[in-house]
Amino acid sequence: MRLPAAPARLTQAEAGAYLDRCLAALRAEPPQAGAVVVLDAQALNEFDSSALAVLLGVRRRVLALGARWQVQGLPARLRDLAALYGVSALLPA
């Protein structure tokens, strides 16, 4: 299953709406247990720590549904931010 792709800009102003879109997609089409849920983050070019909060919120819901989680195209700067916060292992590529 693929979630809505991350937008180019994901800051505090956009975080709530994007999280809502992802969670709505999971409610509309819940993944089967063990399925891989993929979020494409390659478009992200302007973000703050809110982007990490959104990704981790989506991850929490995906895992609660018994599915596996994968992020594709995570920008290097966001990977660096995740490492700084100690959460890089929670965003598998």
PDB file of N, CA and C in Angstrom:
ATOM      1  N   MET A   1       0.853  -1.179   0.000  1.00  0.00           N
ATOM      2  CA  MET A   1       0.000   0.000   0.000  1.00  0.00           C
ATOM      3  C   MET A   1       0.890   1.230   0.000  1.00  0.00           C
ATOM      4  N   ARG A   2       0.493   2.219  -0.767  1.00  0.00           N
ATOM      5  CA  ARG A   2       1.207   3.488  -0.809  1.00  0.00           C
ATOM      6  C   ARG A   2       0.336   4.575  -0.194  1.00  0.00           C
ATOM      7  N   LEU A   3       0.933   5.359   0.666  1.00  0.00           N
ATOM      8  CA  LEU A   3       0.243   6.502   1.257  1.00  0.00           C
ATOM      9  C   LEU A   3       0.396   7.708   0.341  1.00  0.00           C
ATOM     10  N   PRO A   4      -0.383   8.769   0.580  1.00  0.00           N
ATOM     11  CA  PRO A   4      -0.193   9.987  -0.209  1.00  0.00           C
ATOM     12  C   PRO A   4       1.263  10.458  -0.076  1.00  0.00           C
ATOM     13  N   ALA A   5       1.870  10.801  -1.204  1.00  0.00           N
ATOM     14  CA  ALA A   5       3.265  11.252  -1.199  1.00  0.00           C
ATOM     15  C   ALA A   5       3.398  12.528  -0.382  1.00  0.00           C
ATOM     16  N   ALA A   6       4.532  12.653   0.271  1.00  0.00           N
ATOM     17  CA  ALA A   6       4.792  13.859   1.047  1.00  0.00           C
ATOM     18  C   ALA A   6       4.865  15.061   0.116  1.00  0.00           C
ATOM     19  N   PRO A   7       4.383  16.204   0.571  1.00  0.00           N
ATOM     20  CA  PRO A   7       4.442  17.413  -0.254  1.00  0.00           C
ATOM     21  C   PRO A   7       5.859  17.995  -0.267  1.00  0.00           C
ATOM     22  N   ALA A   8       6.090  18.960  -1.113  1.00  0.00           N
ATOM     23  CA  ALA A   8       7.399  19.614  -1.179  1.00  0.00           C
ATOM     24  C   ALA A   8       7.691  20.368   0.116  1.00  0.00           C
ATOM     25  N   ARG A   9       6.666  20.933   0.716  1.00  0.00           N
ATOM     26  CA  ARG A   9       6.823  21.699   1.964  1.00  0.00           C
ATOM     27  C   ARG A   9       6.039  20.991   3.062  1.00  0.00           C
ATOM     28  N   LEU A  10       6.715  20.696   4.161  1.00  0.00           N
ATOM     29  CA  LEU A  10       6.056  20.055   5.294  1.00  0.00           C
ATOM     30  C   LEU A  10       6.610  20.661   6.582  1.00  0.00           C
ATOM     31  N   THR A  11       6.002  21.774   6.958  1.00  0.00           N
ATOM     32  CA  THR A  11       6.380  22.466   8.184  1.00  0.00           C
ATOM     33  C   THR A  11       5.190  22.402   9.135  1.00  0.00           C
ATOM     34  N   GLN A  12       5.296  23.071  10.245  1.00  0.00           N
ATOM     35  CA  GLN A  12       4.217  23.046  11.231  1.00  0.00           C
ATOM     36  C   GLN A  12       2.884  23.461  10.608  1.00  0.00           C
ATOM     37  N   ALA A  13       2.912  24.395   9.666  1.00  0.00           N
ATOM     38  CA  ALA A  13       1.677  24.883   9.044  1.00  0.00           C
ATOM     39  C   ALA A  13       0.969  23.797   8.229  1.00  0.00           C
ATOM     40  N   GLU A  14       1.725  22.889   7.624  1.00  0.00           N
ATOM     41  CA  GLU A  14       1.147  21.852   6.764  1.00  0.00           C
ATOM     42  C   GLU A  14       1.030  20.491   7.447  1.00  0.00           C
ATOM     43  N   ALA A  15       1.669  20.322   8.571  1.00  0.00           N
ATOM     44  CA  ALA A  15       1.797  19.009   9.202  1.00  0.00           C
ATOM     45  C   ALA A  15       0.452  18.362   9.524  1.00  0.00           C
ATOM     46  N   GLY A  16      -0.440  19.097  10.140  1.00  0.00           N
ATOM     47  CA  GLY A  16      -1.731  18.525  10.536  1.00  0.00           C
ATOM     48  C   GLY A  16      -2.544  18.023   9.358  1.00  0.00           C
ATOM     49  N   ALA A  17      -2.578  18.805   8.297  1.00  0.00           N
ATOM     50  CA  ALA A  17      -3.365  18.422   7.117  1.00  0.00           C
ATOM     51  C   ALA A  17      -2.771  17.184   6.446  1.00  0.00           C
ATOM     52  N   TYR A  18      -1.453  17.124   6.347  1.00  0.00           N
ATOM     53  CA  TYR A  18      -0.842  15.970   5.703  1.00  0.00           C
ATOM     54  C   TYR A  18      -1.015  14.713   6.566  1.00  0.00           C
ATOM     55  N   LEU A  19      -0.849  14.842   7.865  1.00  0.00           N
ATOM     56  CA  LEU A  19      -1.074  13.700   8.757  1.00  0.00           C
ATOM     57  C   LEU A  19      -2.511  13.207   8.617  1.00  0.00           C
ATOM     58  N   ASP A  20      -3.460  14.128   8.579  1.00  0.00           N
ATOM     59  CA  ASP A  20      -4.866  13.748   8.411  1.00  0.00           C
ATOM     60  C   ASP A  20      -5.088  12.988   7.108  1.00  0.00           C
ATOM     61  N   ARG A  21      -4.447  13.423   6.014  1.00  0.00           N
ATOM     62  CA  ARG A  21      -4.585  12.726   4.719  1.00  0.00           C
ATOM     63  C   ARG A  21      -4.064  11.299   4.812  1.00  0.00           C
ATOM     64  N   CYS A  22      -2.916  11.147   5.452  1.00  0.00           N
ATOM     65  CA  CYS A  22      -2.333   9.804   5.574  1.00  0.00           C
ATOM     66  C   CYS A  22      -3.202   8.900   6.436  1.00  0.00           C
ATOM     67  N   LEU A  23      -3.668   9.418   7.555  1.00  0.00           N
ATOM     68  CA  LEU A  23      -4.504   8.612   8.446  1.00  0.00           C
ATOM     69  C   LEU A  23      -5.837   8.276   7.792  1.00  0.00           C
ATOM     70  N   ALA A  24      -6.377   9.207   7.008  1.00  0.00           N
ATOM     71  CA  ALA A  24      -7.618   8.937   6.282  1.00  0.00           C
ATOM     72  C   ALA A  24      -7.403   7.822   5.259  1.00  0.00           C
ATOM     73  N   ALA A  25      -6.259   7.823   4.597  1.00  0.00           N
ATOM     74  CA  ALA A  25      -5.951   6.770   3.626  1.00  0.00           C
ATOM     75  C   ALA A  25      -5.862   5.412   4.319  1.00  0.00           C
ATOM     76  N   LEU A  26      -5.291   5.387   5.511  1.00  0.00           N
ATOM     77  CA  LEU A  26      -5.197   4.132   6.259  1.00  0.00           C
ATOM     78  C   LEU A  26      -6.566   3.657   6.733  1.00  0.00           C
ATOM     79  N   ARG A  27      -7.448   4.592   7.072  1.00  0.00           N
ATOM     80  CA  ARG A  27      -8.808   4.204   7.475  1.00  0.00           C
ATOM     81  C   ARG A  27      -9.606   3.706   6.276  1.00  0.00           C
ATOM     82  N   ALA A  28      -9.427   4.363   5.133  1.00  0.00           N
ATOM     83  CA  ALA A  28     -10.197   4.002   3.936  1.00  0.00           C
ATOM     84  C   ALA A  28      -9.781   2.649   3.379  1.00  0.00           C
ATOM     85  N   GLU A  29      -8.503   2.341   3.504  1.00  0.00           N
ATOM     86  CA  GLU A  29      -7.983   1.086   2.964  1.00  0.00           C
ATOM     87  C   GLU A  29      -6.955   0.514   3.938  1.00  0.00           C
ATOM     88  N   PRO A  30      -7.424  -0.060   5.042  1.00  0.00           N
ATOM     89  CA  PRO A  30      -6.483  -0.587   6.042  1.00  0.00           C
ATOM     90  C   PRO A  30      -5.601  -1.682   5.427  1.00  0.00           C
ATOM     91  N   PRO A  31      -4.317  -1.609   5.701  1.00  0.00           N
ATOM     92  CA  PRO A  31      -3.423  -2.648   5.178  1.00  0.00           C
ATOM     93  C   PRO A  31      -3.636  -3.961   5.921  1.00  0.00           C
ATOM     94  N   GLN A  32      -3.364  -5.049   5.230  1.00  0.00           N
ATOM     95  CA  GLN A  32      -3.433  -6.352   5.879  1.00  0.00           C
ATOM     96  C   GLN A  32      -2.224  -6.508   6.795  1.00  0.00           C
ATOM     97  N   ALA A  33      -2.380  -7.328   7.813  1.00  0.00           N
ATOM     98  CA  ALA A  33      -1.273  -7.598   8.732  1.00  0.00           C
ATOM     99  C   ALA A  33      -0.081  -8.103   7.934  1.00  0.00           C
ATOM    100  N   GLY A  34       1.074  -7.527   8.212  1.00  0.00           N
ATOM    101  CA  GLY A  34       2.303  -7.928   7.535  1.00  0.00           C
ATOM    102  C   GLY A  34       2.560  -7.216   6.225  1.00  0.00           C
ATOM    103  N   ALA A  35       1.561  -6.506   5.690  1.00  0.00           N
ATOM    104  CA  ALA A  35       1.748  -5.763   4.442  1.00  0.00           C
ATOM    105  C   ALA A  35       2.722  -4.613   4.673  1.00  0.00           C
ATOM    106  N   VAL A  36       3.353  -4.173   3.611  1.00  0.00           N
ATOM    107  CA  VAL A  36       4.272  -3.036   3.692  1.00  0.00           C
ATOM    108  C   VAL A  36       3.529  -1.777   3.267  1.00  0.00           C
ATOM    109  N   VAL A  37       3.585  -0.770   4.119  1.00  0.00           N
ATOM    110  CA  VAL A  37       3.001   0.531   3.814  1.00  0.00           C
ATOM    111  C   VAL A  37       4.157   1.475   3.497  1.00  0.00           C
ATOM    112  N   VAL A  38       4.093   2.085   2.310  1.00  0.00           N
ATOM    113  CA  VAL A  38       5.195   2.914   1.822  1.00  0.00           C
ATOM    114  C   VAL A  38       4.765   4.373   1.763  1.00  0.00           C
ATOM    115  N   LEU A  39       5.635   5.229   2.271  1.00  0.00           N
ATOM    116  CA  LEU A  39       5.434   6.661   2.160  1.00  0.00           C
ATOM    117  C   LEU A  39       6.591   7.224   1.342  1.00  0.00           C
ATOM    118  N   ASP A  40       6.285   7.921   0.261  1.00  0.00           N
ATOM    119  CA  ASP A  40       7.289   8.509  -0.615  1.00  0.00           C
ATOM    120  C   ASP A  40       7.581   9.923  -0.138  1.00  0.00           C
ATOM    121  N   ALA A  41       8.814  10.165   0.303  1.00  0.00           N
ATOM    122  CA  ALA A  41       9.200  11.461   0.852  1.00  0.00           C
ATOM    123  C   ALA A  41      10.153  12.233  -0.056  1.00  0.00           C
ATOM    124  N   GLN A  42      10.348  11.764  -1.286  1.00  0.00           N
ATOM    125  CA  GLN A  42      11.366  12.378  -2.136  1.00  0.00           C
ATOM    126  C   GLN A  42      11.072  13.825  -2.529  1.00  0.00           C
ATOM    127  N   ALA A  43       9.819  14.248  -2.521  1.00  0.00           N
ATOM    128  CA  ALA A  43       9.490  15.626  -2.894  1.00  0.00           C
ATOM    129  C   ALA A  43       9.825  16.639  -1.802  1.00  0.00           C
ATOM    130  N   LEU A  44      10.013  16.158  -0.585  1.00  0.00           N
ATOM    131  CA  LEU A  44      10.280  17.083   0.537  1.00  0.00           C
ATOM    132  C   LEU A  44      11.545  17.893   0.278  1.00  0.00           C
ATOM    133  N   ASN A  45      11.399  19.207   0.268  1.00  0.00           N
ATOM    134  CA  ASN A  45      12.587  20.048   0.160  1.00  0.00           C
ATOM    135  C   ASN A  45      12.571  21.199   1.155  1.00  0.00           C
ATOM    136  N   GLU A  46      11.421  21.446   1.752  1.00  0.00           N
ATOM    137  CA  GLU A  46      11.326  22.453   2.810  1.00  0.00           C
ATOM    138  C   GLU A  46      10.556  21.824   3.963  1.00  0.00           C
ATOM    139  N   PHE A  47      11.210  21.694   5.114  1.00  0.00           N
ATOM    140  CA  PHE A  47      10.583  21.014   6.246  1.00  0.00           C
ATOM    141  C   PHE A  47      11.231  21.478   7.534  1.00  0.00           C
ATOM    142  N   ASP A  48      10.572  21.159   8.623  1.00  0.00           N
ATOM    143  CA  ASP A  48      11.123  21.375   9.953  1.00  0.00           C
ATOM    144  C   ASP A  48      10.885  20.101  10.761  1.00  0.00           C
ATOM    145  N   SER A  49      11.071  20.162  12.043  1.00  0.00           N
ATOM    146  CA  SER A  49      10.918  18.957  12.861  1.00  0.00           C
ATOM    147  C   SER A  49       9.479  18.430  12.847  1.00  0.00           C
ATOM    148  N   SER A  50       8.540  19.240  12.419  1.00  0.00           N
ATOM    149  CA  SER A  50       7.155  18.770  12.292  1.00  0.00           C
ATOM    150  C   SER A  50       7.056  17.632  11.291  1.00  0.00           C
ATOM    151  N   ALA A  51       7.908  17.634  10.274  1.00  0.00           N
ATOM    152  CA  ALA A  51       7.908  16.545   9.291  1.00  0.00           C
ATOM    153  C   ALA A  51       8.219  15.220   9.978  1.00  0.00           C
ATOM    154  N   LEU A  52       9.179  15.248  10.892  1.00  0.00           N
ATOM    155  CA  LEU A  52       9.494  14.026  11.634  1.00  0.00           C
ATOM    156  C   LEU A  52       8.319  13.595  12.494  1.00  0.00           C
ATOM    157  N   ALA A  53       7.667  14.548  13.119  1.00  0.00           N
ATOM    158  CA  ALA A  53       6.507  14.219  13.956  1.00  0.00           C
ATOM    159  C   ALA A  53       5.414  13.555  13.129  1.00  0.00           C
ATOM    160  N   VAL A  54       5.194  14.054  11.914  1.00  0.00           N
ATOM    161  CA  VAL A  54       4.177  13.465  11.036  1.00  0.00           C
ATOM    162  C   VAL A  54       4.578  12.044  10.655  1.00  0.00           C
ATOM    163  N   LEU A  55       5.815  11.870  10.222  1.00  0.00           N
ATOM    164  CA  LEU A  55       6.269  10.533   9.819  1.00  0.00           C
ATOM    165  C   LEU A  55       6.150   9.547  10.970  1.00  0.00           C
ATOM    166  N   LEU A  56       6.507   9.973  12.152  1.00  0.00           N
ATOM    167  CA  LEU A  56       6.420   9.077  13.304  1.00  0.00           C
ATOM    168  C   LEU A  56       4.970   8.803  13.702  1.00  0.00           C
ATOM    169  N   GLY A  57       4.093   9.785  13.512  1.00  0.00           N
ATOM    170  CA  GLY A  57       2.673   9.572  13.776  1.00  0.00           C
ATOM    171  C   GLY A  57       2.066   8.563  12.814  1.00  0.00           C
ATOM    172  N   VAL A  58       2.432   8.663  11.541  1.00  0.00           N
ATOM    173  CA  VAL A  58       1.958   7.702  10.553  1.00  0.00           C
ATOM    174  C   VAL A  58       2.520   6.325  10.876  1.00  0.00           C
ATOM    175  N   ARG A  59       3.801   6.276  11.210  1.00  0.00           N
ATOM    176  CA  ARG A  59       4.445   5.002  11.567  1.00  0.00           C
ATOM    177  C   ARG A  59       3.698   4.322  12.710  1.00  0.00           C
ATOM    178  N   ARG A  60       3.381   5.089  13.738  1.00  0.00           N
ATOM    179  CA  ARG A  60       2.684   4.537  14.911  1.00  0.00           C
ATOM    180  C   ARG A  60       1.363   3.884  14.494  1.00  0.00           C
ATOM    181  N   ARG A  61       0.622   4.549  13.603  1.00  0.00           N
ATOM    182  CA  ARG A  61      -0.664   3.996  13.166  1.00  0.00           C
ATOM    183  C   ARG A  61      -0.481   2.752  12.298  1.00  0.00           C
ATOM    184  N   VAL A  62       0.504   2.796  11.410  1.00  0.00           N
ATOM    185  CA  VAL A  62       0.781   1.648  10.539  1.00  0.00           C
ATOM    186  C   VAL A  62       1.126   0.426  11.386  1.00  0.00           C
ATOM    187  N   LEU A  63       2.006   0.597  12.344  1.00  0.00           N
ATOM    188  CA  LEU A  63       2.403  -0.529  13.192  1.00  0.00           C
ATOM    189  C   LEU A  63       1.234  -1.018  14.047  1.00  0.00           C
ATOM    190  N   ALA A  64       0.378  -0.099  14.498  1.00  0.00           N
ATOM    191  CA  ALA A  64      -0.792  -0.490  15.290  1.00  0.00           C
ATOM    192  C   ALA A  64      -1.745  -1.357  14.460  1.00  0.00           C
ATOM    193  N   LEU A  65      -1.730  -1.175  13.149  1.00  0.00           N
ATOM    194  CA  LEU A  65      -2.564  -1.984  12.260  1.00  0.00           C
ATOM    195  C   LEU A  65      -1.908  -3.324  11.914  1.00  0.00           C
ATOM    196  N   GLY A  66      -0.698  -3.546  12.417  1.00  0.00           N
ATOM    197  CA  GLY A  66      -0.015  -4.813  12.168  1.00  0.00           C
ATOM    198  C   GLY A  66       0.752  -4.860  10.862  1.00  0.00           C
ATOM    199  N   ALA A  67       0.906  -3.714  10.231  1.00  0.00           N
ATOM    200  CA  ALA A  67       1.631  -3.646   8.960  1.00  0.00           C
ATOM    201  C   ALA A  67       3.082  -3.232   9.210  1.00  0.00           C
ATOM    202  N   ARG A  68       3.872  -3.311   8.152  1.00  0.00           N
ATOM    203  CA  ARG A  68       5.265  -2.861   8.224  1.00  0.00           C
ATOM    204  C   ARG A  68       5.366  -1.491   7.569  1.00  0.00           C
ATOM    205  N   TRP A  69       6.411  -0.757   7.881  1.00  0.00           N
ATOM    206  CA  TRP A  69       6.548   0.654   7.533  1.00  0.00           C
ATOM    207  C   TRP A  69       7.819   0.875   6.735  1.00  0.00           C
ATOM    208  N   GLN A  70       7.708   1.666   5.682  1.00  0.00           N
ATOM    209  CA  GLN A  70       8.881   1.993   4.868  1.00  0.00           C
ATOM    210  C   GLN A  70       8.745   3.418   4.339  1.00  0.00           C
ATOM    211  N   VAL A  71       9.843   4.162   4.393  1.00  0.00           N
ATOM    212  CA  VAL A  71       9.889   5.517   3.830  1.00  0.00           C
ATOM    213  C   VAL A  71      10.860   5.490   2.665  1.00  0.00           C
ATOM    214  N   GLN A  72      10.403   5.957   1.515  1.00  0.00           N
ATOM    215  CA  GLN A  72      11.268   6.014   0.339  1.00  0.00           C
ATOM    216  C   GLN A  72      11.648   7.461   0.048  1.00  0.00           C
ATOM    217  N   GLY A  73      12.879   7.649  -0.408  1.00  0.00           N
ATOM    218  CA  GLY A  73      13.312   8.963  -0.853  1.00  0.00           C
ATOM    219  C   GLY A  73      13.472   9.995   0.237  1.00  0.00           C
ATOM    220  N   LEU A  74      13.767   9.571   1.451  1.00  0.00           N
ATOM    221  CA  LEU A  74      13.935  10.520   2.548  1.00  0.00           C
ATOM    222  C   LEU A  74      15.143  11.415   2.252  1.00  0.00           C
ATOM    223  N   PRO A  75      14.950  12.734   2.170  1.00  0.00           N
ATOM    224  CA  PRO A  75      16.063  13.635   1.872  1.00  0.00           C
ATOM    225  C   PRO A  75      17.177  13.533   2.920  1.00  0.00           C
ATOM    226  N   ALA A  76      18.401  13.723   2.480  1.00  0.00           N
ATOM    227  CA  ALA A  76      19.557  13.609   3.376  1.00  0.00           C
ATOM    228  C   ALA A  76      19.434  14.542   4.574  1.00  0.00           C
ATOM    229  N   ARG A  77      18.946  15.757   4.359  1.00  0.00           N
ATOM    230  CA  ARG A  77      18.816  16.704   5.476  1.00  0.00           C
ATOM    231  C   ARG A  77      17.808  16.218   6.504  1.00  0.00           C
ATOM    232  N   LEU A  78      16.759  15.545   6.040  1.00  0.00           N
ATOM    233  CA  LEU A  78      15.774  15.012   6.984  1.00  0.00           C
ATOM    234  C   LEU A  78      16.332  13.788   7.697  1.00  0.00           C
ATOM    235  N   ARG A  79      17.135  12.985   6.994  1.00  0.00           N
ATOM    236  CA  ARG A  79      17.817  11.857   7.651  1.00  0.00           C
ATOM    237  C   ARG A  79      18.742  12.380   8.746  1.00  0.00           C
ATOM    238  N   ASP A  80      19.454  13.471   8.450  1.00  0.00           N
ATOM    239  CA  ASP A  80      20.345  14.077   9.443  1.00  0.00           C
ATOM    240  C   ASP A  80      19.565  14.576  10.658  1.00  0.00           C
ATOM    241  N   LEU A  81      18.413  15.186  10.408  1.00  0.00           N
ATOM    242  CA  LEU A  81      17.573  15.669  11.504  1.00  0.00           C
ATOM    243  C   LEU A  81      17.065  14.498  12.344  1.00  0.00           C
ATOM    244  N   ALA A  82      16.675  13.412  11.673  1.00  0.00           N
ATOM    245  CA  ALA A  82      16.226  12.217  12.399  1.00  0.00           C
ATOM    246  C   ALA A  82      17.341  11.654  13.258  1.00  0.00           C
ATOM    247  N   ALA A  83      18.568  11.649  12.735  1.00  0.00           N
ATOM    248  CA  ALA A  83      19.723  11.159  13.504  1.00  0.00           C
ATOM    249  C   ALA A  83      19.965  12.063  14.711  1.00  0.00           C
ATOM    250  N   LEU A  84      19.844  13.359  14.525  1.00  0.00           N
ATOM    251  CA  LEU A  84      20.033  14.308  15.621  1.00  0.00           C
ATOM    252  C   LEU A  84      19.051  14.040  16.751  1.00  0.00           C
ATOM    253  N   TYR A  85      17.810  13.711  16.393  1.00  0.00           N
ATOM    254  CA  TYR A  85      16.774  13.425  17.384  1.00  0.00           C
ATOM    255  C   TYR A  85      16.806  11.973  17.860  1.00  0.00           C
ATOM    256  N   GLY A  86      17.669  11.157  17.259  1.00  0.00           N
ATOM    257  CA  GLY A  86      17.790   9.759  17.685  1.00  0.00           C
ATOM    258  C   GLY A  86      16.663   8.855  17.216  1.00  0.00           C
ATOM    259  N   VAL A  87      16.017   9.212  16.087  1.00  0.00           N
ATOM    260  CA  VAL A  87      14.896   8.414  15.608  1.00  0.00           C
ATOM    261  C   VAL A  87      15.129   7.832  14.205  1.00  0.00           C
ATOM    262  N   SER A  88      16.332   7.879  13.707  1.00  0.00           N
ATOM    263  CA  SER A  88      16.573   7.418  12.331  1.00  0.00           C
ATOM    264  C   SER A  88      16.212   5.953  12.134  1.00  0.00           C
ATOM    265  N   ALA A  89      16.379   5.128  13.153  1.00  0.00           N
ATOM    266  CA  ALA A  89      16.038   3.713  13.015  1.00  0.00           C
ATOM    267  C   ALA A  89      14.534   3.495  12.841  1.00  0.00           C
ATOM    268  N   LEU A  90      13.729   4.494  13.185  1.00  0.00           N
ATOM    269  CA  LEU A  90      12.286   4.367  13.074  1.00  0.00           C
ATOM    270  C   LEU A  90      11.755   4.734  11.684  1.00  0.00           C
ATOM    271  N   LEU A  91      12.673   5.155  10.800  1.00  0.00           N
ATOM    272  CA  LEU A  91      12.284   5.565   9.448  1.00  0.00           C
ATOM    273  C   LEU A  91      13.032   4.716   8.429  1.00  0.00           C
ATOM    274  N   PRO A  92      12.724   3.423   8.364  1.00  0.00           N
ATOM    275  CA  PRO A  92      13.470   2.536   7.463  1.00  0.00           C
ATOM    276  C   PRO A  92      13.222   2.866   5.997  1.00  0.00           C
ATOM    277  N   ALA A  93      14.300   2.785   5.239  1.00  0.00           N
ATOM    278  CA  ALA A  93      14.194   3.050   3.791  1.00  0.00           C
ATOM    279  C   ALA A  93      13.863   1.780   3.057  1.00  0.00           C
TER     280      ALA A  93
END
